[in-house]
C-alpha atoms as a PDB file:
ATOM      1  CA  MET A   1      15.547  70.202   9.785  1.00  0.00           C
ATOM      2  CA  LYS A   2      13.371  72.777   7.792  1.00  0.00           C
ATOM      3  CA  ILE A   3      10.985  71.244   5.409  1.00  0.00           C
ATOM      4  CA  THR A   4       8.631  72.833   2.687  1.00  0.00           C
ATOM      5  CA  TYR A   5       5.474  71.258   2.632  1.00  0.00           C
ATOM      6  CA  TYR A   6       3.159  72.203  -1.376  1.00  0.00           C
ATOM      7  CA  GLY A   7      -0.284  71.706  -0.631  1.00  0.00           C
ATOM      8  CA  TYR A   8      -3.699  73.198  -1.631  1.00  0.00           C
ATOM      9  CA  PRO A   9      -6.020  74.343   0.774  1.00  0.00           C
ATOM     10  CA  LYS A  10      -9.219  72.973  -0.856  1.00  0.00           C
ATOM     11  CA  CYS A  11      -7.520  69.636  -0.878  1.00  0.00           C
ATOM     12  CA  THR A  12      -8.706  67.606   1.763  1.00  0.00           C
ATOM     13  CA  THR A  13      -5.714  65.293   1.747  1.00  0.00           C
ATOM     14  CA  CYS A  14      -3.640  68.007   1.446  1.00  0.00           C
ATOM     15  CA  ARG A  15      -5.287  69.113   4.827  1.00  0.00           C
ATOM     16  CA  LYS A  16      -4.703  66.263   6.763  1.00  0.00           C
ATOM     17  CA  ALA A  17      -1.058  65.977   5.906  1.00  0.00           C
ATOM     18  CA  LYS A  18      -0.627  69.682   6.733  1.00  0.00           C
ATOM     19  CA  LYS A  19      -2.453  68.735  10.376  1.00  0.00           C
ATOM     20  CA  TRP A  20       0.134  65.517  10.850  1.00  0.00           C
ATOM     21  CA  LEU A  21       2.612  67.719  10.705  1.00  0.00           C
ATOM     22  CA  THR A  22       1.802  70.340  12.751  1.00  0.00           C
ATOM     23  CA  ASP A  23       0.484  67.719  15.081  1.00  0.00           C
ATOM     24  CA  GLN A  24       4.326  66.349  15.562  1.00  0.00           C
ATOM     25  CA  GLY A  25       5.996  69.933  15.799  1.00  0.00           C
ATOM     26  CA  ILE A  26       7.792  69.568  12.557  1.00  0.00           C
ATOM     27  CA  ASP A  27       8.384  73.326  11.364  1.00  0.00           C
ATOM     28  CA  PHE A  28       7.571  73.464   8.216  1.00  0.00           C
ATOM     29  CA  ASP A  29       7.147  76.169   5.339  1.00  0.00           C
ATOM     30  CA  GLU A  30       3.933  76.057   3.548  1.00  0.00           C
ATOM     31  CA  VAL A  31       3.482  76.965  -0.187  1.00  0.00           C
ATOM     32  CA  ASN A  32       0.511  76.719  -2.150  1.00  0.00           C
ATOM     33  CA  LEU A  33       1.177  74.596  -4.787  1.00  0.00           C
ATOM     34  CA  VAL A  34      -1.316  76.035  -7.016  1.00  0.00           C
ATOM     35  CA  GLU A  35      -0.520  79.655  -6.933  1.00  0.00           C
ATOM     36  CA  GLU A  36       3.654  79.066  -6.251  1.00  0.00           C
ATOM     37  CA  PRO A  37       4.298  75.645  -8.107  1.00  0.00           C
ATOM     38  CA  PRO A  38       7.583  74.518  -7.869  1.00  0.00           C
ATOM     39  CA  THR A  39      10.545  75.271 -10.432  1.00  0.00           C
ATOM     40  CA  ALA A  40      11.194  72.749 -12.868  1.00  0.00           C
ATOM     41  CA  ASP A  41      14.802  72.449 -10.886  1.00  0.00           C
ATOM     42  CA  THR A  42      13.121  72.287  -7.830  1.00  0.00           C
ATOM     43  CA  LEU A  43      10.978  69.586  -9.435  1.00  0.00           C
ATOM     44  CA  LYS A  44      14.145  68.059 -11.020  1.00  0.00           C
ATOM     45  CA  ASP A  45      15.620  68.038  -7.596  1.00  0.00           C
ATOM     46  CA  MET A  46      12.523  66.413  -5.550  1.00  0.00           C
ATOM     47  CA  ILE A  47      12.074  63.440  -8.358  1.00  0.00           C
ATOM     48  CA  GLU A  48      16.280  62.754  -8.308  1.00  0.00           C
ATOM     49  CA  THR A  49      15.696  62.510  -4.341  1.00  0.00           C
ATOM     50  CA  SER A  50      12.733  60.717  -4.388  1.00  0.00           C
ATOM     51  CA  GLY A  51      13.928  57.999  -6.643  1.00  0.00           C
ATOM     52  CA  LEU A  52      10.314  57.745  -8.185  1.00  0.00           C
ATOM     53  CA  GLU A  53       9.442  58.169 -11.884  1.00  0.00           C
ATOM     54  CA  MET A  54       8.197  61.518 -13.060  1.00  0.00           C
ATOM     55  CA  LYS A  55       4.914  59.727 -14.041  1.00  0.00           C
ATOM     56  CA  LYS A  56       4.228  59.121 -10.254  1.00  0.00           C
ATOM     57  CA  PHE A  57       4.412  63.623  -9.735  1.00  0.00           C
ATOM     58  CA  PHE A  58       1.619  63.823 -11.975  1.00  0.00           C
ATOM     59  CA  ASN A  59      -2.174  64.317 -10.423  1.00  0.00           C
ATOM     60  CA  THR A  60      -3.677  61.504 -13.109  1.00  0.00           C
ATOM     61  CA  ASN A  61      -6.803  62.064 -11.612  1.00  0.00           C
ATOM     62  CA  GLY A  62      -7.417  65.343 -12.019  1.00  0.00           C
ATOM     63  CA  LYS A  63      -9.019  67.683 -13.977  1.00  0.00           C
ATOM     64  CA  VAL A  64      -6.329  69.240 -15.822  1.00  0.00           C
ATOM     65  CA  TYR A  65      -4.789  66.209 -16.735  1.00  0.00           C
ATOM     66  CA  ARG A  66      -7.575  64.325 -18.379  1.00  0.00           C
ATOM     67  CA  GLU A  67      -8.982  67.718 -20.224  1.00  0.00           C
ATOM     68  CA  GLU A  68      -5.192  67.898 -22.177  1.00  0.00           C
ATOM     69  CA  LYS A  69      -4.882  64.509 -22.733  1.00  0.00           C
ATOM     70  CA  LEU A  70      -1.554  64.128 -20.778  1.00  0.00           C
ATOM     71  CA  LYS A  71      -1.527  60.348 -20.711  1.00  0.00           C
ATOM     72  CA  ASP A  72      -1.322  60.152 -24.667  1.00  0.00           C
ATOM     73  CA  LYS A  73       0.967  62.724 -24.660  1.00  0.00           C
ATOM     74  CA  LEU A  74       3.596  62.131 -21.716  1.00  0.00           C
ATOM     75  CA  PRO A  75       5.372  59.249 -23.258  1.00  0.00           C
ATOM     76  CA  GLU A  76       6.176  61.684 -26.142  1.00  0.00           C
ATOM     77  CA  MET A  77       7.471  64.702 -24.273  1.00  0.00           C
ATOM     78  CA  SER A  78      11.302  64.860 -23.418  1.00  0.00           C
ATOM     79  CA  GLU A  79      11.699  65.203 -19.326  1.00  0.00           C
ATOM     80  CA  ASP A  80      12.917  68.663 -19.677  1.00  0.00           C
ATOM     81  CA  GLU A  81       9.266  69.623 -21.528  1.00  0.00           C
ATOM     82  CA  LYS A  82       7.532  67.370 -18.663  1.00  0.00           C
ATOM     83  CA  LEU A  83       9.425  69.326 -15.790  1.00  0.00           C
ATOM     84  CA  ALA A  84       8.359  72.406 -17.569  1.00  0.00           C
ATOM     85  CA  LEU A  85       4.799  71.706 -17.955  1.00  0.00           C
ATOM     86  CA  LEU A  86       4.380  70.295 -14.280  1.00  0.00           C
ATOM     87  CA  ALA A  87       6.107  73.341 -13.211  1.00  0.00           C
ATOM     88  CA  SER A  88       3.758  75.410 -15.532  1.00  0.00           C
ATOM     89  CA  ASN A  89       0.648  74.301 -13.473  1.00  0.00           C
ATOM     90  CA  GLY A  90       0.284  73.577 -10.123  1.00  0.00           C
ATOM     91  CA  MET A  91      -2.696  71.475 -10.822  1.00  0.00           C
ATOM     92  CA  LEU A  92      -0.935  69.011 -12.399  1.00  0.00           C
ATOM     93  CA  ILE A  93       1.285  67.715  -9.633  1.00  0.00           C
ATOM     94  CA  LYS A  94       0.381  65.060  -7.163  1.00  0.00           C
ATOM     95  CA  ARG A  95      -0.199  66.874  -4.202  1.00  0.00           C
ATOM     96  CA  PRO A  96       0.789  67.002  -0.785  1.00  0.00           C
ATOM     97  CA  ILE A  97       4.658  67.092  -1.867  1.00  0.00           C
ATOM     98  CA  VAL A  98       6.796  67.119   1.337  1.00  0.00           C
ATOM     99  CA  PHE A  99      10.303  67.883   0.605  1.00  0.00           C
ATOM    100  CA  GLY A 100      13.714  68.912   2.756  1.00  0.00           C
ATOM    101  CA  ASP A 101      16.538  67.084   4.673  1.00  0.00           C
ATOM    102  CA  GLY A 102      17.226  64.490   1.587  1.00  0.00           C
ATOM    103  CA  LYS A 103      13.673  63.123   1.800  1.00  0.00           C
ATOM    104  CA  VAL A 104      10.087  63.550  -0.353  1.00  0.00           C
ATOM    105  CA  THR A 105       6.540  62.025   0.252  1.00  0.00           C
ATOM    106  CA  LEU A 106       4.149  61.991  -2.756  1.00  0.00           C
ATOM    107  CA  GLY A 107       0.364  62.646  -1.023  1.00  0.00           C
ATOM    108  CA  PHE A 108      -0.453  61.430   2.421  1.00  0.00           C
ATOM    109  CA  LYS A 109      -0.217  58.212   4.145  1.00  0.00           C
ATOM    110  CA  GLU A 110       0.281  58.372   7.985  1.00  0.00           C
ATOM    111  CA  GLU A 111       2.373  55.310   7.892  1.00  0.00           C
ATOM    112  CA  THR A 112       4.710  56.624   5.351  1.00  0.00           C
ATOM    113  CA  PHE A 113       4.960  60.155   7.132  1.00  0.00           C
ATOM    114  CA  GLU A 114       5.329  58.403  10.166  1.00  0.00           C
ATOM    115  CA  GLU A 115       8.570  56.419   8.685  1.00  0.00           C
ATOM    116  CA  VAL A 116      10.118  59.033   6.532  1.00  0.00           C
ATOM    117  CA  TRP A 117       9.051  62.588   8.598  1.00  0.00           C
ATOM    118  CA  GLY A 118       8.006  61.030  12.200  1.00  0.00           C
END
């Protein structure tokens, strides 16, 4: 099983998720979400695989989300516009994302990681 971990090194939650994966001996590729955000196509695959609504992929607690007033703008945007926006700035994406083997997790909860990746 090959999975990709998208995280931000300064994010405490991301570090916990990465440590959990490492402690379990899970082989993964690491991508800095801010330096190399996933493409719109990859994000679309993640969203479809997860079964979650696209809004869940936005970091609604983030500074950029608030500064851009996205809470008000997102309802008016098309799906393609939202995907392009997410792909343009990794700080807009909820983190960490672990993706691969037909599975996706957003954020880090040990119980969820155990269930999905354990």
